Amino acid sequence: MKTFIAAVAVAFLAPMISEAGIASPNGSLLRLPDGSFVGTSYDGGTEKIGAAFRITRFSELTTIANFITNSAENPASGFVRDASGALWGTSPFGGTGDLGTIYRCDPATGTVEVKFSFGGANGRAPSGPLVMDSAGVFYGTTTRGGTLDLGTVFSFVPTSGTLTTLAEFSGVNGATLGAEPESGLLRDAAGVLWGTTTAGGALGQGTMFKIDAGVFSSVLSFTGTNGTELGSIPRGELLDDGAG
C-alpha cells in the first residue's frame, strides 16, 4: 500500500516536477521523519541525467542534488535512509566503466558520492532500490552481469565498501532460475530476502525467489496466460502484509 501511495503521489505531482526541471521520476518516494518525501528522477537536473528531489507536506518541491557525468547517473529507483540520515541508492549507469553504482546522497549538502562501481562480473546495471538490515548492511539486485550476464543478488557493507555476490541467475535452467531482476528485494522479519525476476524460470516468463541464510531457492516460475502460476515479467517490489 505504501508503494502504491508513493507511486500515485509521483504521478499526481508530475506537472510540478516537470516545471522544476526534473523529468521522469522513478521508483517509490521515501517518507522522512518530518513528513516530507524524497525521490529520484531518471532525467532532468543540470546535466539531464537525473536529480534527487524533496516534496514537503505543503507540496513545495526542491532539488536536493543533481547527478553529474562520471558519477552516479540516471537513477531508476528511490532511496533508503541510513541511521545518520544519508540517502542511499543505485544507478544503472555511471561509475568506473559506466556499469552502474551504489551511491550515497547527503540531503543537507546535495553531495552525491559513488560508494561502489559495478564491474560486470559482480553485476551491472542495478535498477532496483536497496534494502537495509538492522546492522546497516544493504542488499540489492543487478539486472545484468554475473557469470551468465543474467543478473545478480548482492550485499554491500558501507563501512568497508565490500560487495558480496549472493546469487547469480542461471536463466531457464540451473540452480538459480530467473534472469534480469528489475526490482529490489523485500527483507522479511526473519531476515529472508525475497524478490522477482522479469525473465528466466521454467518457461522464461519470470520467477519469484528467496535467499534464506545464504541459500537460494526458486519459489515459483510464472506460466504466462495458462498454467498454475499465471502472470509474467514482474517488475515491481514485493510487499509484506505483516502476516508473512
Protein backbone atom coordinates (compact mmCIF):
# COMPACT_ATOMS: atom_id res chain seq x y z
CA MET A 1 0.00 0.00 0.00
CA LYS A 2 2.81 2.44 0.83
CA THR A 3 4.43 1.78 -2.55
CA PHE A 4 1.09 2.33 -4.31
CA ILE A 5 0.51 5.61 -2.49
CA ALA A 6 4.01 6.79 -3.30
CA ALA A 7 3.56 5.93 -6.98
CA VAL A 8 0.26 7.84 -7.06
CA ALA A 9 1.95 10.80 -5.39
CA VAL A 10 4.66 10.89 -8.06
CA ALA A 11 2.06 10.76 -10.84
CA PHE A 12 -0.05 13.50 -9.21
CA LEU A 13 2.97 15.77 -8.79
CA ALA A 14 4.44 15.09 -12.24
CA PRO A 15 3.48 18.50 -13.73
CA MET A 16 5.13 20.33 -10.83
CA ILE A 17 8.23 18.14 -11.10
CA SER A 18 8.48 18.82 -14.83
CA GLU A 19 8.25 22.58 -14.27
CA ALA A 20 11.12 22.35 -11.78
CA GLY A 21 13.44 20.83 -14.39
CA ILE A 22 13.11 17.29 -13.07
CA ALA A 23 11.98 14.68 -15.56
CA SER A 24 10.91 11.03 -15.48
CA PRO A 25 10.66 10.37 -11.72
CA ASN A 26 11.19 6.69 -10.95
CA GLY A 27 10.63 4.38 -8.04
CA SER A 28 8.83 4.91 -4.76
CA LEU A 29 9.02 8.02 -2.63
CA LEU A 30 10.65 7.71 0.78
CA ARG A 31 8.91 9.45 3.67
CA LEU A 32 11.19 11.31 6.07
CA PRO A 33 10.52 11.83 9.80
CA ASP A 34 9.33 15.40 9.17
CA GLY A 35 6.60 14.15 6.83
CA SER A 36 8.27 15.24 3.60
CA PHE A 37 9.13 12.83 0.78
CA VAL A 38 12.32 12.33 -1.21
CA GLY A 39 12.77 10.62 -4.55
CA THR A 40 14.81 10.49 -7.74
CA SER A 41 14.30 11.23 -11.41
CA TYR A 42 15.90 9.37 -14.28
CA ASP A 43 16.22 12.52 -16.41
CA GLY A 44 16.36 16.24 -15.79
CA GLY A 45 18.68 18.06 -13.45
CA THR A 46 21.52 20.32 -14.54
CA GLU A 47 23.10 17.68 -16.80
CA LYS A 48 19.86 15.94 -17.78
CA ILE A 49 20.99 12.65 -16.22
CA GLY A 50 18.80 12.75 -13.14
CA ALA A 51 18.17 14.56 -9.89
CA ALA A 52 17.13 13.94 -6.30
CA PHE A 53 14.19 15.95 -5.01
CA ARG A 54 12.19 16.62 -1.87
CA ILE A 55 8.47 17.39 -1.60
CA THR A 56 7.08 18.84 1.62
CA ARG A 57 3.64 18.18 3.07
CA PHE A 58 2.65 21.51 1.54
CA SER A 59 3.63 20.40 -2.00
CA GLU A 60 6.79 22.53 -2.03
CA LEU A 61 9.37 20.97 -4.33
CA THR A 62 13.13 21.46 -4.00
CA THR A 63 16.05 19.80 -5.75
CA ILE A 64 18.33 18.05 -3.29
CA ALA A 65 21.06 17.05 -5.72
CA ASN A 66 21.90 16.92 -9.42
CA PHE A 67 23.54 13.79 -10.76
CA ILE A 68 26.65 14.52 -12.81
CA THR A 69 28.64 12.75 -15.51
CA ASN A 70 31.17 10.13 -14.36
CA SER A 71 29.37 9.79 -11.03
CA ALA A 72 26.06 8.02 -10.41
CA GLU A 73 23.87 8.57 -13.49
CA ASN A 74 20.18 8.13 -14.39
CA PRO A 75 18.89 6.60 -11.13
CA ALA A 76 15.96 4.28 -11.79
CA SER A 77 14.76 3.73 -8.20
CA GLY A 78 14.22 5.51 -4.91
CA PHE A 79 16.17 5.82 -1.68
CA VAL A 80 16.78 4.01 1.57
CA ARG A 81 17.81 6.15 4.57
CA ASP A 82 20.58 5.11 6.96
CA ALA A 83 20.84 5.88 10.69
CA SER A 84 22.72 9.14 10.03
CA GLY A 85 20.02 10.44 7.68
CA ALA A 86 22.02 9.91 4.48
CA LEU A 87 20.16 8.64 1.42
CA TRP A 88 21.43 5.58 -0.45
CA GLY A 89 20.51 4.31 -3.88
CA THR A 90 21.64 2.60 -7.06
CA SER A 91 22.10 3.82 -10.61
CA PRO A 92 22.22 1.66 -13.76
CA PHE A 93 24.84 3.90 -15.34
CA GLY A 94 27.87 5.85 -14.17
CA GLY A 95 30.82 4.87 -12.06
CA THR A 96 34.02 3.27 -13.28
CA GLY A 97 33.26 1.63 -16.62
CA ASP A 98 29.74 3.12 -16.74
CA LEU A 99 28.24 -0.16 -15.46
CA GLY A 100 26.28 1.25 -12.55
CA THR A 101 26.82 2.30 -8.97
CA ILE A 102 25.81 2.26 -5.35
CA TYR A 103 25.81 5.87 -4.17
CA ARG A 104 25.28 7.99 -1.07
CA CYS A 105 23.47 11.32 -1.17
CA ASP A 106 23.80 13.87 1.63
CA PRO A 107 20.45 15.71 1.63
CA ALA A 108 21.91 18.63 3.59
CA THR A 109 24.75 19.44 1.18
CA GLY A 110 23.49 17.88 -2.08
CA THR A 111 26.66 15.84 -2.39
CA VAL A 112 26.38 12.58 -4.33
CA GLU A 113 29.25 10.17 -3.68
CA VAL A 114 29.80 6.88 -5.50
CA LYS A 115 30.49 4.20 -2.90
CA PHE A 116 30.78 1.26 -5.29
CA SER A 117 31.16 0.86 -9.05
CA PHE A 118 29.96 -2.40 -10.58
CA GLY A 119 32.40 -4.19 -12.85
CA GLY A 120 30.28 -6.68 -14.78
CA ALA A 121 31.50 -9.90 -13.22
CA ASN A 122 29.94 -8.80 -9.92
CA GLY A 123 26.87 -7.36 -11.64
CA ARG A 124 25.93 -4.38 -13.75
CA ALA A 125 23.02 -2.04 -14.37
CA PRO A 126 21.21 -2.14 -11.00
CA SER A 127 17.73 -0.66 -11.41
CA GLY A 128 16.03 -1.58 -8.13
CA PRO A 129 16.30 0.11 -4.73
CA LEU A 130 18.43 -1.07 -1.85
CA VAL A 131 17.04 -2.60 1.33
CA MET A 132 18.89 -2.30 4.66
CA ASP A 133 19.09 -4.63 7.65
CA SER A 134 19.40 -3.69 11.32
CA ALA A 135 23.22 -3.77 11.10
CA GLY A 136 23.27 -1.23 8.28
CA VAL A 137 24.11 -3.74 5.53
CA PHE A 138 22.46 -3.14 2.17
CA TYR A 139 21.01 -5.74 -0.20
CA GLY A 140 20.01 -5.37 -3.84
CA THR A 141 19.92 -6.77 -7.36
CA THR A 142 21.51 -6.04 -10.72
CA THR A 143 19.63 -6.58 -13.96
CA ARG A 144 22.66 -7.92 -15.79
CA GLY A 145 26.16 -9.10 -15.03
CA GLY A 146 27.43 -12.18 -13.29
CA THR A 147 28.84 -15.27 -14.98
CA LEU A 148 25.97 -15.59 -17.49
CA ASP A 149 25.18 -11.85 -17.65
CA LEU A 150 21.66 -12.58 -16.38
CA GLY A 151 21.81 -10.57 -13.17
CA THR A 152 22.81 -10.97 -9.56
CA VAL A 153 21.76 -10.54 -5.93
CA PHE A 154 24.31 -8.82 -3.70
CA SER A 155 25.03 -7.49 -0.24
CA PHE A 156 27.06 -4.35 0.43
CA VAL A 157 28.73 -3.27 3.67
CA PRO A 158 29.03 0.54 3.55
CA THR A 159 31.58 0.82 6.35
CA SER A 160 34.11 -1.31 4.43
CA GLY A 161 32.88 -0.85 0.85
CA THR A 162 32.69 -4.63 0.49
CA LEU A 163 30.26 -6.12 -2.03
CA THR A 164 29.42 -9.83 -1.89
CA THR A 165 27.56 -11.67 -4.64
CA LEU A 166 24.85 -13.80 -3.02
CA ALA A 167 23.46 -15.32 -6.22
CA GLU A 168 23.97 -15.28 -9.99
CA PHE A 169 20.89 -16.06 -12.07
CA SER A 170 21.00 -19.01 -14.45
CA GLY A 171 18.05 -18.31 -16.76
CA VAL A 172 15.68 -21.14 -17.69
CA ASN A 173 17.88 -23.91 -16.32
CA GLY A 174 20.21 -24.45 -13.41
CA ALA A 175 20.10 -23.97 -9.67
CA THR A 176 19.28 -20.23 -9.65
CA LEU A 177 16.33 -19.98 -12.03
CA GLY A 178 15.50 -16.49 -13.24
CA ALA A 179 17.06 -13.62 -15.16
CA GLU A 180 17.19 -9.84 -15.29
CA PRO A 181 15.63 -8.72 -11.99
CA GLU A 182 14.45 -5.12 -12.32
CA SER A 183 13.07 -4.63 -8.83
CA GLY A 184 14.68 -4.56 -5.43
CA LEU A 185 14.31 -7.02 -2.61
CA LEU A 186 11.94 -7.50 0.31
CA ARG A 187 13.57 -8.44 3.61
CA ASP A 188 11.08 -10.08 5.94
CA ALA A 189 11.02 -10.14 9.73
CA ALA A 190 13.14 -13.30 9.79
CA GLY A 191 15.81 -11.75 7.56
CA VAL A 192 14.86 -13.75 4.47
CA LEU A 193 15.32 -11.90 1.18
CA TRP A 194 12.54 -12.17 -1.41
CA GLY A 195 12.49 -10.95 -5.00
CA THR A 196 11.34 -11.40 -8.57
CA THR A 197 12.94 -11.63 -11.99
CA THR A 198 11.47 -10.41 -15.26
CA ALA A 199 12.74 -13.37 -17.28
CA GLY A 200 14.05 -16.90 -16.85
CA GLY A 201 12.35 -19.66 -14.95
CA ALA A 202 10.92 -22.86 -16.38
CA LEU A 203 9.03 -21.07 -19.16
CA GLY A 204 11.11 -17.92 -19.46
CA GLN A 205 8.25 -15.79 -18.04
CA GLY A 206 9.95 -14.69 -14.82
CA THR A 207 10.26 -16.02 -11.30
CA MET A 208 9.89 -15.42 -7.60
CA PHE A 209 12.85 -16.39 -5.39
CA LYS A 210 14.13 -16.20 -1.85
CA ILE A 211 17.52 -16.29 -0.13
CA ASP A 212 17.41 -17.69 3.39
CA ALA A 213 20.66 -17.80 5.40
CA GLY A 214 22.61 -17.54 2.16
CA VAL A 215 20.73 -20.37 0.43
CA PHE A 216 18.94 -19.52 -2.83
CA SER A 217 15.55 -21.11 -3.55
CA SER A 218 13.29 -20.70 -6.56
CA VAL A 219 9.78 -20.20 -5.18
CA LEU A 220 7.86 -20.28 -8.46
CA SER A 221 8.14 -19.80 -12.21
CA PHE A 222 5.40 -17.73 -13.83
CA THR A 223 3.44 -19.51 -16.55
CA GLY A 224 2.08 -16.63 -18.63
CA THR A 225 -1.55 -16.87 -19.74
CA ASN A 226 -2.02 -20.54 -18.82
CA GLY A 227 -0.98 -22.88 -16.05
CA THR A 228 -0.97 -22.67 -12.29
CA GLU A 229 1.20 -19.57 -11.84
CA LEU A 230 -0.50 -17.05 -14.12
CA GLY A 231 1.46 -13.92 -14.98
CA SER A 232 4.77 -12.92 -16.48
CA ILE A 233 7.54 -10.31 -16.38
CA PRO A 234 7.10 -8.99 -12.80
CA ARG A 235 8.83 -5.61 -12.36
CA GLY A 236 7.76 -4.13 -9.02
CA GLU A 237 8.92 -4.76 -5.47
CA LEU A 238 7.12 -7.30 -3.32
CA LEU A 239 5.20 -6.13 -0.24
CA ASP A 240 4.83 -7.81 3.14
CA ASP A 241 1.29 -7.76 4.57
CA GLY A 242 2.58 -8.21 8.12
CA ALA A 243 1.39 -11.78 8.38
CA GLY A 244 4.04 -13.23 6.09
